[in-house]
Protein backbone atom coordinates (compact mmCIF):
# COMPACT_ATOMS: atom_id res chain seq x y z
CA UNK A 1 2.43 -62.65 -41.33
CA UNK A 2 2.65 -59.21 -40.76
CA UNK A 3 0.54 -56.35 -39.58
CA UNK A 4 0.23 -54.83 -42.81
CA UNK A 5 0.01 -58.16 -44.72
CA UNK A 6 -2.97 -59.53 -42.48
CA UNK A 7 -4.75 -55.89 -43.36
CA UNK A 8 -4.40 -56.09 -47.15
CA UNK A 9 -5.43 -59.92 -47.09
CA UNK A 10 -8.57 -58.88 -45.06
CA UNK A 11 -8.99 -55.82 -47.40
CA UNK A 12 -8.49 -57.46 -50.59
CA UNK A 13 -8.26 -61.27 -50.17
CA UNK A 14 -11.91 -62.24 -51.38
CA UNK A 15 -11.58 -59.85 -54.28
CA UNK A 16 -8.06 -61.18 -55.62
CA UNK A 17 -9.05 -64.67 -55.25
CA UNK A 18 -11.99 -64.44 -57.14
CA UNK A 19 -10.21 -62.79 -60.12
CA UNK A 20 -7.54 -64.99 -59.56
CA UNK A 21 -9.31 -68.06 -59.72
CA UNK A 22 -11.50 -66.86 -62.44
CA UNK A 23 -8.71 -66.20 -64.90
CA UNK A 24 -6.86 -69.31 -64.22
CA UNK A 25 -9.69 -71.69 -64.99
CA UNK A 26 -10.88 -69.57 -67.90
CA UNK A 27 -8.62 -66.92 -68.92
CA UNK A 28 -10.10 -64.43 -71.42
CA UNK A 29 -13.44 -66.28 -71.66
CA UNK A 30 -13.43 -65.11 -68.39
CA UNK A 31 -14.03 -61.14 -69.42
CA UNK A 32 -16.15 -61.41 -72.97
CA UNK A 33 -17.93 -58.37 -72.21
CA UNK A 34 -15.14 -56.34 -70.88
CA UNK A 35 -13.12 -57.31 -74.31
CA UNK A 36 -15.67 -56.30 -76.25
CA UNK A 37 -15.96 -52.52 -74.40
CA UNK A 38 -12.31 -52.09 -75.27
CA UNK A 39 -12.76 -52.88 -78.67
CA UNK A 40 -15.86 -50.67 -79.01
CA UNK A 41 -13.94 -48.01 -77.34
CA UNK A 42 -11.06 -48.34 -79.19
CA UNK A 43 -13.42 -48.10 -82.80
CA UNK A 44 -14.82 -45.30 -81.36
CA UNK A 45 -11.93 -43.50 -80.46
CA UNK A 46 -10.25 -44.26 -84.04
CA UNK A 47 -13.69 -43.38 -86.13
CA UNK A 48 -14.16 -39.64 -84.09
CA UNK A 49 -10.30 -39.23 -85.21
CA UNK A 50 -11.35 -39.27 -88.76
CA UNK A 51 -12.84 -36.80 -90.62
CA UNK A 52 -15.61 -38.92 -91.86
CA UNK A 53 -16.33 -40.61 -88.38
CA UNK A 54 -16.24 -37.69 -86.15
CA UNK A 55 -19.90 -36.42 -86.90
CA UNK A 56 -20.95 -39.78 -86.90
CA UNK A 57 -19.80 -40.66 -83.53
CA UNK A 58 -21.05 -37.18 -81.83
CA UNK A 59 -24.51 -37.96 -83.38
CA UNK A 60 -24.71 -41.60 -81.53
CA UNK A 61 -22.55 -40.54 -78.51
CA UNK A 62 -22.06 -37.33 -77.65
CA UNK A 63 -24.53 -35.98 -74.93
CA UNK A 64 -24.61 -32.17 -73.38
CA UNK A 65 -26.89 -30.89 -71.22
CA UNK A 66 -28.10 -28.62 -73.34
CA UNK A 67 -29.39 -31.25 -75.86
CA UNK A 68 -32.84 -32.58 -75.23
CA UNK A 69 -33.59 -35.27 -72.44
CA UNK A 70 -34.73 -37.59 -74.64
CA UNK A 71 -31.85 -37.52 -77.10
CA UNK A 72 -29.32 -37.42 -74.18
CA UNK A 73 -30.73 -40.79 -72.99
CA UNK A 74 -30.93 -42.11 -76.22
CA UNK A 75 -27.02 -41.52 -76.56
CA UNK A 76 -25.93 -42.18 -72.99
CA UNK A 77 -25.20 -46.10 -73.57
CA UNK A 78 -22.97 -45.23 -76.27
CA UNK A 79 -21.78 -42.25 -74.69
CA UNK A 80 -19.81 -43.98 -71.81
CA UNK A 81 -17.18 -45.80 -74.89
CA UNK A 82 -16.80 -42.52 -76.46
CA UNK A 83 -13.30 -41.19 -75.00
CA UNK A 84 -12.73 -37.82 -74.40
CA UNK A 85 -11.35 -35.87 -76.92
CA UNK A 86 -8.94 -33.83 -74.42
CA UNK A 87 -7.69 -36.91 -72.32
CA UNK A 88 -5.26 -39.82 -73.80
CA UNK A 89 -7.09 -43.10 -75.06
CA UNK A 90 -4.99 -45.14 -73.37
CA UNK A 91 -6.06 -44.27 -70.29
CA UNK A 92 -10.08 -44.79 -71.33
CA UNK A 93 -9.04 -48.01 -72.69
CA UNK A 94 -7.07 -49.24 -69.50
CA UNK A 95 -9.91 -47.81 -67.07
CA UNK A 96 -12.52 -50.09 -69.08
CA UNK A 97 -9.94 -53.26 -69.22
CA UNK A 98 -9.17 -53.46 -65.21
CA UNK A 99 -12.33 -52.12 -63.51
CA UNK A 100 -15.09 -53.84 -66.04
CA UNK A 101 -12.66 -56.64 -65.87
CA UNK A 102 -12.73 -57.27 -62.29
CA UNK A 103 -16.43 -55.90 -61.49
CA UNK A 104 -17.62 -58.51 -64.71
CA UNK A 105 -15.64 -61.34 -62.53
CA UNK A 106 -17.02 -60.52 -59.26
CA UNK A 107 -20.29 -59.21 -59.74
CA UNK A 108 -21.36 -60.47 -63.21
CA UNK A 109 -22.15 -58.89 -66.52
CA UNK A 110 -25.55 -57.67 -66.42
CA UNK A 111 -24.47 -55.76 -62.67
CA UNK A 112 -21.75 -54.45 -64.16
CA UNK A 113 -24.02 -53.05 -66.97
CA UNK A 114 -26.65 -51.44 -64.76
CA UNK A 115 -24.32 -49.87 -61.88
CA UNK A 116 -21.60 -48.93 -65.04
CA UNK A 117 -25.18 -47.17 -66.61
CA UNK A 118 -26.36 -45.95 -63.25
CA UNK A 119 -23.51 -44.01 -62.47
CA UNK A 120 -23.12 -42.50 -66.03
CA UNK A 121 -26.83 -42.09 -65.75
CA UNK A 122 -26.46 -40.08 -62.36
CA UNK A 123 -24.05 -38.16 -63.59
CA UNK A 124 -25.06 -37.05 -66.81
CA UNK A 125 -28.56 -35.97 -65.23
CA UNK A 126 -27.00 -34.44 -62.22
CA UNK A 127 -25.24 -31.96 -64.93
CA UNK A 128 -28.98 -30.72 -65.84
CA UNK A 129 -29.65 -30.22 -62.30
CA UNK A 130 -26.74 -28.49 -61.21
CA UNK A 131 -27.08 -25.97 -64.31
CA UNK A 132 -30.77 -25.55 -63.16
CA UNK A 133 -29.40 -24.45 -60.02
CA UNK A 134 -26.88 -22.05 -61.09
CA UNK A 135 -23.38 -21.08 -59.75
CA UNK A 136 -24.89 -19.99 -56.71
CA UNK A 137 -25.57 -22.77 -55.32
CA UNK A 138 -23.19 -25.04 -53.44
CA UNK A 139 -23.77 -28.08 -55.79
CA UNK A 140 -25.05 -26.10 -59.16
CA UNK A 141 -23.01 -25.45 -62.06
CA UNK A 142 -22.24 -22.24 -64.64
CA UNK A 143 -24.52 -22.21 -67.72
CA UNK A 144 -21.56 -22.89 -69.97
CA UNK A 145 -21.23 -26.20 -68.43
CA UNK A 146 -24.54 -27.18 -70.82
CA UNK A 147 -22.19 -27.29 -73.86
CA UNK A 148 -19.68 -29.53 -72.50
CA UNK A 149 -19.40 -32.83 -74.32
CA UNK A 150 -19.74 -35.43 -71.59
CA UNK A 151 -18.74 -38.96 -72.54
CA UNK A 152 -16.33 -41.45 -71.71
CA UNK A 153 -16.04 -44.19 -69.01
CA UNK A 154 -15.04 -42.32 -65.77
CA UNK A 155 -18.09 -42.22 -64.12
CA UNK A 156 -19.21 -45.67 -64.63
CA UNK A 157 -15.63 -46.76 -63.40
CA UNK A 158 -15.49 -45.04 -60.60
CA UNK A 159 -18.84 -46.20 -59.48
CA UNK A 160 -18.11 -49.71 -60.33
CA UNK A 161 -14.63 -49.55 -58.39
CA UNK A 162 -17.01 -48.54 -55.42
CA UNK A 163 -19.74 -50.98 -55.62
CA UNK A 164 -17.23 -54.00 -55.99
CA UNK A 165 -14.93 -53.01 -53.18
CA UNK A 166 -18.43 -52.60 -51.09
CA UNK A 167 -19.66 -55.87 -52.31
CA UNK A 168 -16.07 -57.96 -51.14
CA UNK A 169 -15.94 -56.06 -48.29
CA UNK A 170 -12.72 -53.23 -49.05
CA UNK A 171 -14.77 -51.19 -47.25
CA UNK A 172 -11.00 -48.69 -46.91
CA UNK A 173 -10.68 -48.81 -50.87
CA UNK A 174 -13.84 -47.90 -51.68
CA UNK A 175 -13.80 -44.93 -49.27
CA UNK A 176 -9.77 -44.56 -50.83
CA UNK A 177 -11.71 -44.23 -53.99
CA UNK A 178 -14.45 -41.44 -52.58
CA UNK A 179 -11.56 -39.45 -51.18
CA UNK A 180 -9.50 -39.38 -54.28
CA UNK A 181 -12.77 -38.10 -56.44
CA UNK A 182 -13.62 -35.31 -53.59
CA UNK A 183 -9.74 -34.07 -53.69
CA UNK A 184 -9.91 -33.92 -57.61
CA UNK A 185 -12.75 -32.00 -57.37
CA UNK A 186 -10.72 -29.80 -54.85
CA UNK A 187 -7.92 -29.36 -57.20
CA UNK A 188 -9.81 -29.08 -60.15
CA UNK A 189 -13.53 -27.77 -59.94
CA UNK A 190 -15.23 -28.98 -63.46
CA UNK A 191 -18.12 -30.76 -64.57
CA UNK A 192 -16.27 -33.94 -64.71
CA UNK A 193 -15.28 -34.01 -60.99
CA UNK A 194 -18.32 -33.32 -59.74
CA UNK A 195 -20.02 -36.17 -62.14
CA UNK A 196 -18.12 -38.27 -60.52
CA UNK A 197 -19.30 -37.71 -56.94
CA UNK A 198 -22.93 -37.94 -58.66
CA UNK A 199 -22.04 -41.24 -59.62
CA UNK A 200 -20.69 -42.40 -56.38
CA UNK A 201 -23.72 -41.23 -54.77
CA UNK A 202 -26.06 -43.00 -56.85
CA UNK A 203 -23.87 -46.42 -56.22
CA UNK A 204 -24.02 -45.71 -52.78
CA UNK A 205 -27.73 -46.15 -53.21
CA UNK A 206 -27.44 -49.55 -54.72
CA UNK A 207 -25.26 -50.56 -52.04
CA UNK A 208 -26.96 -49.99 -49.57
CA UNK A 209 -29.77 -52.23 -51.18
CA UNK A 210 -27.58 -54.73 -52.06
CA UNK A 211 -25.70 -56.10 -49.18
CA UNK A 212 -21.82 -57.13 -48.98
CA UNK A 213 -21.18 -60.55 -50.42
CA UNK A 214 -18.04 -60.99 -48.26
CA UNK A 215 -18.00 -59.43 -44.82
CA UNK A 216 -13.94 -59.76 -43.33
CA UNK A 217 -13.58 -62.91 -41.66
CA UNK A 218 -9.95 -63.85 -41.68
CA UNK A 219 -10.27 -62.97 -45.19
CA UNK A 220 -12.35 -66.13 -46.15
CA UNK A 221 -15.91 -66.74 -46.33
CA UNK A 222 -17.38 -68.84 -43.61
CA UNK A 223 -18.51 -72.67 -44.94
CA UNK A 224 -21.40 -74.24 -45.60
CA UNK A 225 -22.89 -70.91 -46.97
CA UNK A 226 -24.62 -70.94 -50.41
CA UNK A 227 -24.07 -68.65 -53.26
CA UNK A 228 -25.61 -65.22 -53.57
CA UNK A 229 -28.85 -65.97 -55.13
CA UNK A 230 -28.77 -65.54 -58.82
CA UNK A 231 -25.32 -64.60 -59.29
CA UNK A 232 -22.81 -65.71 -61.97
CA UNK A 233 -21.65 -64.65 -65.35
CA UNK A 234 -23.68 -66.91 -67.51
CA UNK A 235 -26.65 -65.21 -66.35
CA UNK A 236 -24.99 -61.87 -65.81
CA UNK A 237 -24.26 -62.29 -62.07
CA UNK A 238 -21.17 -63.70 -60.54
CA UNK A 239 -18.42 -65.74 -61.03
CA UNK A 240 -17.92 -67.32 -64.77
CA UNK A 241 -20.26 -70.30 -66.31
CA UNK A 242 -19.91 -73.61 -65.02
CA UNK A 243 -18.00 -72.85 -62.08
CA UNK A 244 -18.80 -72.89 -58.49
CA UNK A 245 -19.54 -69.18 -57.35
CA UNK A 246 -18.20 -67.61 -54.84
CA UNK A 247 -20.13 -68.39 -50.99
CA UNK A 248 -21.55 -65.68 -49.13
CA UNK A 249 -20.06 -64.67 -46.03
């Protein structure tokens, strides 16, 4: 095997094998939460583009920094699934299907939701702090950003990508995702770009509290070690119900 092939196996081997095995044995039953999230995103996109549904979707899932904090927190759970009006919906659907699907298989439903919402909430709260600091501060934001509608799965997707890569030892990929978010911000300095970095910062804290599940060892886990405690999709953590979870390495 070539050097490039070995490095790719070391980087993505445990992750790819976990996803492949789950889809091969359970197919779509391996990602029920992801499929529900895709359907909900598509439904909210359809509704907000209809005269009768726009105001309703805004009332239940639209977050702005100028809104009262209690209202923003109340809307945050659904705001993750409300696609941004100025971006193509297929992008949001693809992000949810691929990244949420991989995360649901690899770290389970509960942890996927926890990390996704933590990343989204970090971005939402950062917007308020940044506006309070003002445009003169290195991490501040202009007051006009308080009126920007802050919806969509992008912060959760970025956070989940970094978290899953960390858990499965794909450190180079996690670093690459972070670097791309920095480049995005340098190219287009806007609220979304800064929220993505805030989401990554929050997820890195979670990573520090959650040791890697797979450490590189020739792309394989060491035999004789049990699964991570409490992980399994049926209980919301780890691989699909009824299957032996990947062993800790």
